[in-house]
Amino acid sequence: MSTGTQLWKLFVAQLKTMFREKAVWFWNLFFPVILMVLFMVIFGAGSSDDFKAKVALVNPAGSAGESLAAGLKQIPVFEWKSDAPVSANQADEWVKKKDIDAAIILPESGTGDIKLVVNAENASSATTQAIRGILDQYTTSASFKAAGVEPAYHLQTSSVTSADRELGSADFLLTGMIALSVAQAGLFGMVDMVEIRRSGLLKRLRMTPLRMGLYGMGGMLVRFVLSFVQIVLLTVIGVYGFGASLDINIPVLIIAFFIGVLAFNAIGYLISSFSKSIESYMGVANLTSFLMMFISGVFFATSSLPDWLKPVTRFIPLTYFVEGMRDGMVYGSGITSPDFWSGIGILALWGAVAFAVGAMFYRKGKIEVR
């Protein structure tokens, strides 16, 4: 039998074995979909709703504060609990019950301080910070207008990106979830190696004419197929379900995908090499996945992490895989970027070291399996 025929038969046999397992369908296909949908719903990806803050107005100055009240009513992000001003007691009650995000109290004499009242539990929330910023800007503008002064400077905000367009939250989460799913398939996909070794099947296979290199290559091809199915499935749901937009650079995507799949399967291979049982393998794989998934830029940009944690993100492989997949799927760039190649190089180094150490453990048989 030729080498190609042997490889094909091993590939087909392992493909059938893998997809017969219901756990493979759930953990590698349905679970990533559930996780992605959950995060996209939570973070509002695909929603067309703009930011709104529910507020109430207290105007003790009456007609003297009408001009300020009229200006506040023009701010589009404010959703008013009541069209007419309310009493301070009523506003406090609404704030305490969280019926509104904040109460805006105008000065009693028509001039003076404008007060913002928020629930203490939400004092540091993003909504409160946004209301405070908007109100501060409005107060400054109203003060200049009352003094008859035209501001000499105006703030203009713009954003830039290495992509041809601005990256949306759906694009960010979609590519992060794809990278995470492929990485987890590699981390957890080598659990069968523990069972094969524990049952003695690995030892018996080595005594047959079967070339173990072809056996391993057949298994890797199966994992490439599984990862490809994950990418297609998640991409279809992200694009048609949540409005994600793609700007695919095929060479970059293929390189990042190929190196990423190899690297994380090598890490899974390393874990299987020193795990004495399936339980210990799953424990190490879960711990590894959990530590990486929240600080690798899957759900949040690494730039938003604390300064002391940022160097750690540059050490773990998932960071570079996430960035590589984003380069290939939404940024549409990277093939000539030094940052892309340095990230791919670090990812490949992780895979090479993990495979070498894992192979050493397997070859020397230092782990006794019961």
Protein backbone atom coordinates (compact mmCIF):
# COMPACT_ATOMS: atom_id res chain seq x y z
CA MET A 1 0.00 0.00 0.00
CA SER A 2 1.40 3.38 -0.97
CA THR A 3 2.11 6.11 1.59
CA GLY A 4 -0.66 8.28 0.19
CA THR A 5 -3.20 5.47 0.43
CA GLN A 6 -2.18 4.71 4.01
CA LEU A 7 -2.48 8.37 4.97
CA TRP A 8 -5.90 8.64 3.34
CA LYS A 9 -7.23 5.54 5.12
CA LEU A 10 -5.88 6.75 8.47
CA PHE A 11 -7.41 10.18 7.86
CA VAL A 12 -10.83 8.76 7.01
CA ALA A 13 -10.75 6.35 9.96
CA GLN A 14 -9.87 9.11 12.47
CA LEU A 15 -12.38 11.49 10.91
CA LYS A 16 -15.18 8.95 11.37
CA THR A 17 -14.03 8.21 14.90
CA MET A 18 -13.96 11.86 15.89
CA PHE A 19 -17.33 12.90 14.44
CA ARG A 20 -19.06 9.85 15.93
CA GLU A 21 -18.36 11.32 19.36
CA LYS A 22 -21.28 13.49 20.52
CA ALA A 23 -18.92 15.38 22.81
CA VAL A 24 -16.94 16.54 19.79
CA TRP A 25 -20.06 18.04 18.22
CA PHE A 26 -21.03 19.83 21.41
CA TRP A 27 -17.68 21.15 22.66
CA ASN A 28 -16.14 21.99 19.29
CA LEU A 29 -19.15 23.21 17.33
CA PHE A 30 -22.22 23.97 19.44
CA PHE A 31 -20.45 25.35 22.53
CA PRO A 32 -18.38 27.95 20.59
CA VAL A 33 -21.56 29.07 18.83
CA ILE A 34 -23.42 29.41 22.15
CA LEU A 35 -20.50 31.30 23.69
CA MET A 36 -20.16 33.67 20.73
CA VAL A 37 -23.89 34.42 20.57
CA LEU A 38 -23.96 35.02 24.33
CA PHE A 39 -21.10 37.52 24.24
CA MET A 40 -22.40 39.29 21.16
CA VAL A 41 -25.81 39.73 22.78
CA ILE A 42 -24.26 40.95 26.04
CA PHE A 43 -21.99 43.49 24.37
CA GLY A 44 -24.63 44.61 21.90
CA ALA A 45 -22.87 43.52 18.73
CA GLY A 46 -25.23 43.75 15.80
CA SER A 47 -27.56 46.10 17.63
CA SER A 48 -28.49 49.36 15.94
CA ASP A 49 -29.55 50.98 19.20
CA ASP A 50 -27.55 54.06 20.19
CA PHE A 51 -26.47 54.83 23.71
CA LYS A 52 -29.28 56.25 25.83
CA ALA A 53 -29.31 57.45 29.42
CA LYS A 54 -32.57 57.79 31.32
CA VAL A 55 -32.58 61.00 33.36
CA ALA A 56 -34.91 63.38 35.20
CA LEU A 57 -34.70 67.16 35.51
CA VAL A 58 -35.15 69.23 38.67
CA ASN A 59 -35.60 72.94 38.02
CA PRO A 60 -36.09 74.86 41.30
CA ALA A 61 -35.45 78.20 39.58
CA GLY A 62 -38.59 77.95 37.45
CA SER A 63 -38.57 80.31 34.50
CA ALA A 64 -34.99 81.45 35.32
CA GLY A 65 -33.70 77.99 34.48
CA GLU A 66 -35.81 77.39 31.39
CA SER A 67 -33.01 78.22 28.96
CA LEU A 68 -30.74 75.64 30.60
CA ALA A 69 -33.55 73.09 30.66
CA ALA A 70 -34.30 73.72 26.99
CA GLY A 71 -30.64 73.17 26.10
CA LEU A 72 -30.50 69.91 28.03
CA LYS A 73 -33.64 68.68 26.25
CA GLN A 74 -31.76 69.01 22.96
CA ILE A 75 -29.12 66.44 23.98
CA PRO A 76 -30.15 63.34 22.01
CA VAL A 77 -28.69 60.68 24.32
CA PHE A 78 -30.87 61.79 27.24
CA GLU A 79 -34.15 59.94 27.59
CA TRP A 80 -36.38 61.90 29.97
CA LYS A 81 -38.40 60.08 32.61
CA SER A 82 -40.84 62.98 32.69
CA ASP A 83 -41.35 65.74 30.13
CA ALA A 84 -41.86 68.28 32.89
CA PRO A 85 -39.36 69.04 35.69
CA VAL A 86 -39.96 67.11 38.91
CA SER A 87 -39.25 67.78 42.56
CA ALA A 88 -35.90 66.92 44.14
CA ASN A 89 -37.57 64.32 46.37
CA GLN A 90 -39.20 62.61 43.41
CA ALA A 91 -35.88 62.55 41.50
CA ASP A 92 -34.06 61.12 44.53
CA GLU A 93 -36.68 58.39 44.81
CA TRP A 94 -36.26 57.43 41.15
CA VAL A 95 -32.49 57.36 41.50
CA LYS A 96 -32.66 55.17 44.62
CA LYS A 97 -35.02 52.72 42.86
CA LYS A 98 -32.81 52.85 39.73
CA ASP A 99 -35.79 53.95 37.64
CA ILE A 100 -33.45 56.52 36.11
CA ASP A 101 -29.68 56.63 35.58
CA ALA A 102 -29.28 60.14 36.99
CA ALA A 103 -31.08 63.28 38.13
CA ILE A 104 -29.94 66.68 36.87
CA ILE A 105 -30.60 69.52 39.33
CA LEU A 106 -30.40 73.05 37.95
CA PRO A 107 -29.23 75.97 40.18
CA GLU A 108 -31.93 77.57 42.34
CA SER A 109 -31.19 81.12 41.19
CA GLY A 110 -30.76 80.30 37.52
CA THR A 111 -26.98 80.56 37.76
CA GLY A 112 -24.50 78.52 39.76
CA ASP A 113 -23.72 74.82 40.02
CA ILE A 114 -25.57 72.16 38.08
CA LYS A 115 -25.77 69.02 40.23
CA LEU A 116 -25.74 65.44 39.02
CA VAL A 117 -27.26 62.82 41.34
CA VAL A 118 -26.62 59.12 40.68
CA ASN A 119 -27.13 55.91 42.60
CA ALA A 120 -24.03 55.13 44.70
CA GLU A 121 -23.95 51.58 43.31
CA ASN A 122 -23.57 52.97 39.79
CA ALA A 123 -21.22 55.85 40.58
CA SER A 124 -18.36 54.30 38.62
CA SER A 125 -20.39 52.73 35.83
CA ALA A 126 -19.78 53.53 32.17
CA THR A 127 -23.22 55.13 31.90
CA THR A 128 -22.54 57.49 34.81
CA GLN A 129 -19.16 58.43 33.37
CA ALA A 130 -20.78 59.14 30.00
CA ILE A 131 -23.52 61.31 31.56
CA ARG A 132 -20.92 63.21 33.60
CA GLY A 133 -18.81 63.85 30.51
CA ILE A 134 -21.77 65.00 28.43
CA LEU A 135 -23.05 67.26 31.21
CA ASP A 136 -19.61 68.73 31.81
CA GLN A 137 -19.29 69.56 28.14
CA TYR A 138 -22.76 71.09 28.10
CA THR A 139 -22.03 73.17 31.22
CA THR A 140 -18.84 74.58 29.70
CA SER A 141 -20.63 75.41 26.46
CA ALA A 142 -23.54 77.07 28.30
CA SER A 143 -21.12 79.13 30.40
CA PHE A 144 -19.33 80.48 27.33
CA LYS A 145 -22.67 81.26 25.72
CA ALA A 146 -23.93 83.11 28.85
CA ALA A 147 -20.72 85.16 28.96
CA GLY A 148 -20.98 85.97 25.26
CA VAL A 149 -17.64 84.34 24.58
CA GLU A 150 -16.94 82.22 21.54
CA PRO A 151 -14.61 79.33 22.47
CA ALA A 152 -11.25 79.62 20.75
CA TYR A 153 -10.78 75.87 20.60
CA HIS A 154 -13.04 72.98 19.73
CA LEU A 155 -12.37 69.28 20.19
CA GLN A 156 -12.68 67.14 17.10
CA THR A 157 -12.40 63.39 17.53
CA SER A 158 -11.50 60.91 14.82
CA SER A 159 -10.34 57.31 14.85
CA VAL A 160 -7.79 55.51 12.76
CA THR A 161 -7.21 51.82 12.14
CA SER A 162 -4.86 49.71 10.10
CA ALA A 163 -7.92 48.29 8.34
CA ASP A 164 -9.66 49.92 5.43
CA ARG A 165 -12.57 50.69 7.71
CA GLU A 166 -13.38 51.08 11.40
CA LEU A 167 -13.50 47.84 13.37
CA GLY A 168 -16.92 47.12 14.90
CA SER A 169 -17.63 45.18 18.07
CA ALA A 170 -19.15 42.31 16.06
CA ASP A 171 -15.98 42.05 13.94
CA PHE A 172 -13.82 42.13 17.07
CA LEU A 173 -15.78 39.46 18.93
CA LEU A 174 -16.22 37.23 15.88
CA THR A 175 -12.51 36.97 15.16
CA GLY A 176 -11.68 36.61 18.85
CA MET A 177 -14.17 33.76 19.24
CA ILE A 178 -12.89 32.01 16.13
CA ALA A 179 -9.33 32.11 17.44
CA LEU A 180 -10.45 30.91 20.87
CA SER A 181 -12.48 28.01 19.41
CA VAL A 182 -9.61 26.82 17.23
CA ALA A 183 -7.18 27.12 20.14
CA GLN A 184 -9.47 25.17 22.47
CA ALA A 185 -9.95 22.45 19.85
CA GLY A 186 -6.19 21.99 19.86
CA LEU A 187 -5.78 22.19 23.64
CA PHE A 188 -8.54 19.66 24.36
CA GLY A 189 -8.22 17.61 21.16
CA MET A 190 -5.31 15.48 22.34
CA VAL A 191 -7.21 13.91 25.21
CA ASP A 192 -7.57 10.70 23.20
CA MET A 193 -3.77 10.31 23.32
CA VAL A 194 -4.02 9.81 27.08
CA GLU A 195 -6.60 7.06 26.67
CA ILE A 196 -4.69 5.41 23.82
CA ARG A 197 -1.55 5.32 25.93
CA ARG A 198 -3.32 4.23 29.12
CA SER A 199 -5.13 1.37 27.39
CA GLY A 200 -1.88 0.13 25.85
CA LEU A 201 -3.13 0.74 22.32
CA LEU A 202 -0.23 3.08 21.57
CA LYS A 203 2.27 0.38 22.51
CA ARG A 204 0.48 -2.19 20.35
CA LEU A 205 0.35 0.22 17.41
CA ARG A 206 4.11 0.67 17.64
CA MET A 207 4.53 -3.10 17.28
CA THR A 208 2.61 -3.11 13.96
CA PRO A 209 3.94 -2.12 10.52
CA LEU A 210 1.93 1.09 10.88
CA ARG A 211 4.08 4.17 10.51
CA MET A 212 3.36 6.33 13.55
CA GLY A 213 4.28 9.46 11.64
CA LEU A 214 1.43 8.81 9.20
CA TYR A 215 -0.91 8.11 12.10
CA GLY A 216 -0.06 11.45 13.66
CA MET A 217 -0.33 13.26 10.32
CA GLY A 218 -3.77 11.75 9.74
CA GLY A 219 -4.87 13.03 13.14
CA MET A 220 -3.58 16.53 12.37
CA LEU A 221 -5.47 16.61 9.06
CA VAL A 222 -8.65 15.71 10.92
CA ARG A 223 -8.06 18.59 13.34
CA PHE A 224 -7.49 20.96 10.42
CA VAL A 225 -10.86 19.89 9.03
CA LEU A 226 -12.55 20.43 12.39
CA SER A 227 -10.99 23.89 12.78
CA PHE A 228 -12.01 24.84 9.24
CA VAL A 229 -15.61 23.83 9.99
CA GLN A 230 -15.47 25.96 13.16
CA ILE A 231 -14.31 29.01 11.21
CA VAL A 232 -16.98 28.63 8.52
CA LEU A 233 -19.79 28.03 11.04
CA LEU A 234 -18.88 30.94 13.33
CA THR A 235 -18.26 33.27 10.40
CA VAL A 236 -21.66 32.57 8.86
CA ILE A 237 -23.41 33.20 12.19
CA GLY A 238 -21.34 36.33 12.89
CA VAL A 239 -21.90 37.86 9.46
CA TYR A 240 -25.55 36.99 8.87
CA GLY A 241 -26.69 36.98 12.51
CA PHE A 242 -24.85 39.97 13.94
CA GLY A 243 -23.79 42.01 10.94
CA ALA A 244 -20.05 41.45 11.20
CA SER A 245 -18.04 42.69 8.22
CA LEU A 246 -14.98 40.93 6.88
CA ASP A 247 -11.97 42.17 4.94
CA ILE A 248 -10.18 38.93 4.24
CA ASN A 249 -6.53 38.68 3.27
CA ILE A 250 -6.34 35.03 2.19
CA PRO A 251 -2.54 34.49 2.46
CA VAL A 252 -2.44 36.06 5.93
CA LEU A 253 -5.47 34.06 7.05
CA ILE A 254 -4.02 30.77 5.80
CA ILE A 255 -0.66 31.40 7.49
CA ALA A 256 -2.21 32.43 10.81
CA PHE A 257 -4.68 29.52 10.71
CA PHE A 258 -2.04 26.92 9.79
CA ILE A 259 0.50 28.01 12.40
CA GLY A 260 -2.19 28.50 15.05
CA VAL A 261 -3.69 25.03 14.60
CA LEU A 262 -0.25 23.42 14.73
CA ALA A 263 0.83 25.42 17.78
CA PHE A 264 -2.22 24.70 19.93
CA ASN A 265 -2.33 21.04 18.95
CA ALA A 266 1.33 20.85 19.93
CA ILE A 267 0.48 22.37 23.32
CA GLY A 268 -2.31 19.79 23.68
CA TYR A 269 0.20 17.10 22.72
CA LEU A 270 2.55 18.37 25.43
CA ILE A 271 -0.19 18.25 28.06
CA SER A 272 -1.06 14.67 27.04
CA SER A 273 2.58 13.65 27.39
CA PHE A 274 2.70 14.20 31.17
CA SER A 275 -0.95 13.62 32.10
CA LYS A 276 -1.54 10.36 33.93
CA SER A 277 -5.30 10.35 33.41
CA ILE A 278 -8.02 12.02 31.37
CA GLU A 279 -9.07 13.94 34.47
CA SER A 280 -5.61 15.41 34.97
CA TYR A 281 -5.38 16.25 31.25
CA MET A 282 -8.70 18.08 31.30
CA GLY A 283 -7.71 19.91 34.47
CA VAL A 284 -4.47 21.23 32.97
CA ALA A 285 -6.14 22.05 29.63
CA ASN A 286 -8.99 23.89 31.35
CA LEU A 287 -6.60 25.88 33.51
CA THR A 288 -4.47 26.80 30.49
CA SER A 289 -7.48 27.84 28.44
CA PHE A 290 -9.06 29.81 31.29
CA LEU A 291 -5.90 31.76 32.04
CA MET A 292 -5.41 32.73 28.41
CA MET A 293 -8.94 33.49 27.21
CA PHE A 294 -9.54 36.64 29.29
CA ILE A 295 -6.21 38.39 28.75
CA SER A 296 -5.46 37.60 25.10
CA GLY A 297 -7.73 40.14 23.44
CA VAL A 298 -10.51 37.66 22.68
CA PHE A 299 -13.29 39.65 24.36
CA PHE A 300 -11.52 42.91 25.23
CA ALA A 301 -8.63 44.81 23.70
CA THR A 302 -5.39 44.09 25.55
CA SER A 303 -4.78 47.85 25.69
CA SER A 304 -7.65 48.13 28.20
CA LEU A 305 -5.94 45.79 30.67
CA PRO A 306 -3.97 47.08 33.70
CA ASP A 307 -0.41 48.13 32.94
CA TRP A 308 1.08 45.37 35.11
CA LEU A 309 -0.83 42.71 33.12
CA LYS A 310 0.05 43.91 29.62
CA PRO A 311 3.54 42.31 29.51
CA VAL A 312 1.93 38.94 30.34
CA THR A 313 -0.29 39.16 27.27
CA ARG A 314 2.82 39.43 25.07
CA PHE A 315 4.03 36.09 26.40
CA ILE A 316 1.01 33.85 25.86
CA PRO A 317 0.41 32.31 22.40
CA LEU A 318 -3.31 33.02 22.14
CA THR A 319 -2.60 36.76 21.94
CA TYR A 320 -0.62 36.30 18.74
CA PHE A 321 -3.14 33.87 17.27
CA VAL A 322 -6.01 36.31 17.90
CA GLU A 323 -4.03 39.15 16.32
CA GLY A 324 -3.06 36.98 13.34
CA MET A 325 -6.66 35.93 12.70
CA ARG A 326 -7.80 39.56 12.92
CA ASP A 327 -5.07 40.54 10.47
CA GLY A 328 -6.38 37.93 8.04
CA MET A 329 -10.13 38.37 8.54
CA VAL A 330 -10.93 42.01 9.33
CA TYR A 331 -7.83 44.19 9.03
CA GLY A 332 -7.08 42.86 5.56
CA SER A 333 -3.37 43.48 6.09
CA GLY A 334 -0.32 41.94 7.64
CA ILE A 335 1.58 39.98 4.98
CA THR A 336 4.24 42.71 4.84
CA SER A 337 3.85 43.75 8.46
CA PRO A 338 6.80 43.04 10.79
CA ASP A 339 4.36 42.82 13.71
CA PHE A 340 2.43 40.05 11.97
CA TRP A 341 5.53 37.99 11.25
CA SER A 342 6.99 38.51 14.73
CA GLY A 343 3.68 37.31 16.20
CA ILE A 344 3.59 34.29 13.89
CA GLY A 345 7.21 33.57 14.77
CA ILE A 346 6.47 33.56 18.51
CA LEU A 347 3.41 31.37 17.91
CA ALA A 348 5.48 28.93 15.85
CA LEU A 349 8.16 28.90 18.56
CA TRP A 350 5.54 27.99 21.14
CA GLY A 351 4.39 25.11 18.93
CA ALA A 352 7.92 23.87 18.20
CA VAL A 353 8.99 23.91 21.85
CA ALA A 354 5.76 22.27 23.04
CA PHE A 355 6.04 19.51 20.44
CA ALA A 356 9.74 18.90 21.17
CA VAL A 357 9.19 18.63 24.92
CA GLY A 358 6.09 16.46 24.44
CA ALA A 359 7.93 14.14 22.04
CA MET A 360 10.79 13.84 24.52
CA PHE A 361 8.40 12.72 27.26
CA TYR A 362 6.74 10.20 24.94
CA ARG A 363 10.08 8.89 23.62
CA LYS A 364 11.66 8.43 27.01
CA GLY A 365 8.45 7.15 28.55
CA LYS A 366 9.05 8.90 31.88
CA ILE A 367 5.39 9.04 32.66
CA GLU A 368 4.00 5.87 34.16
CA VAL A 369 0.33 5.48 33.38
CA ARG A 370 -1.95 3.46 35.53
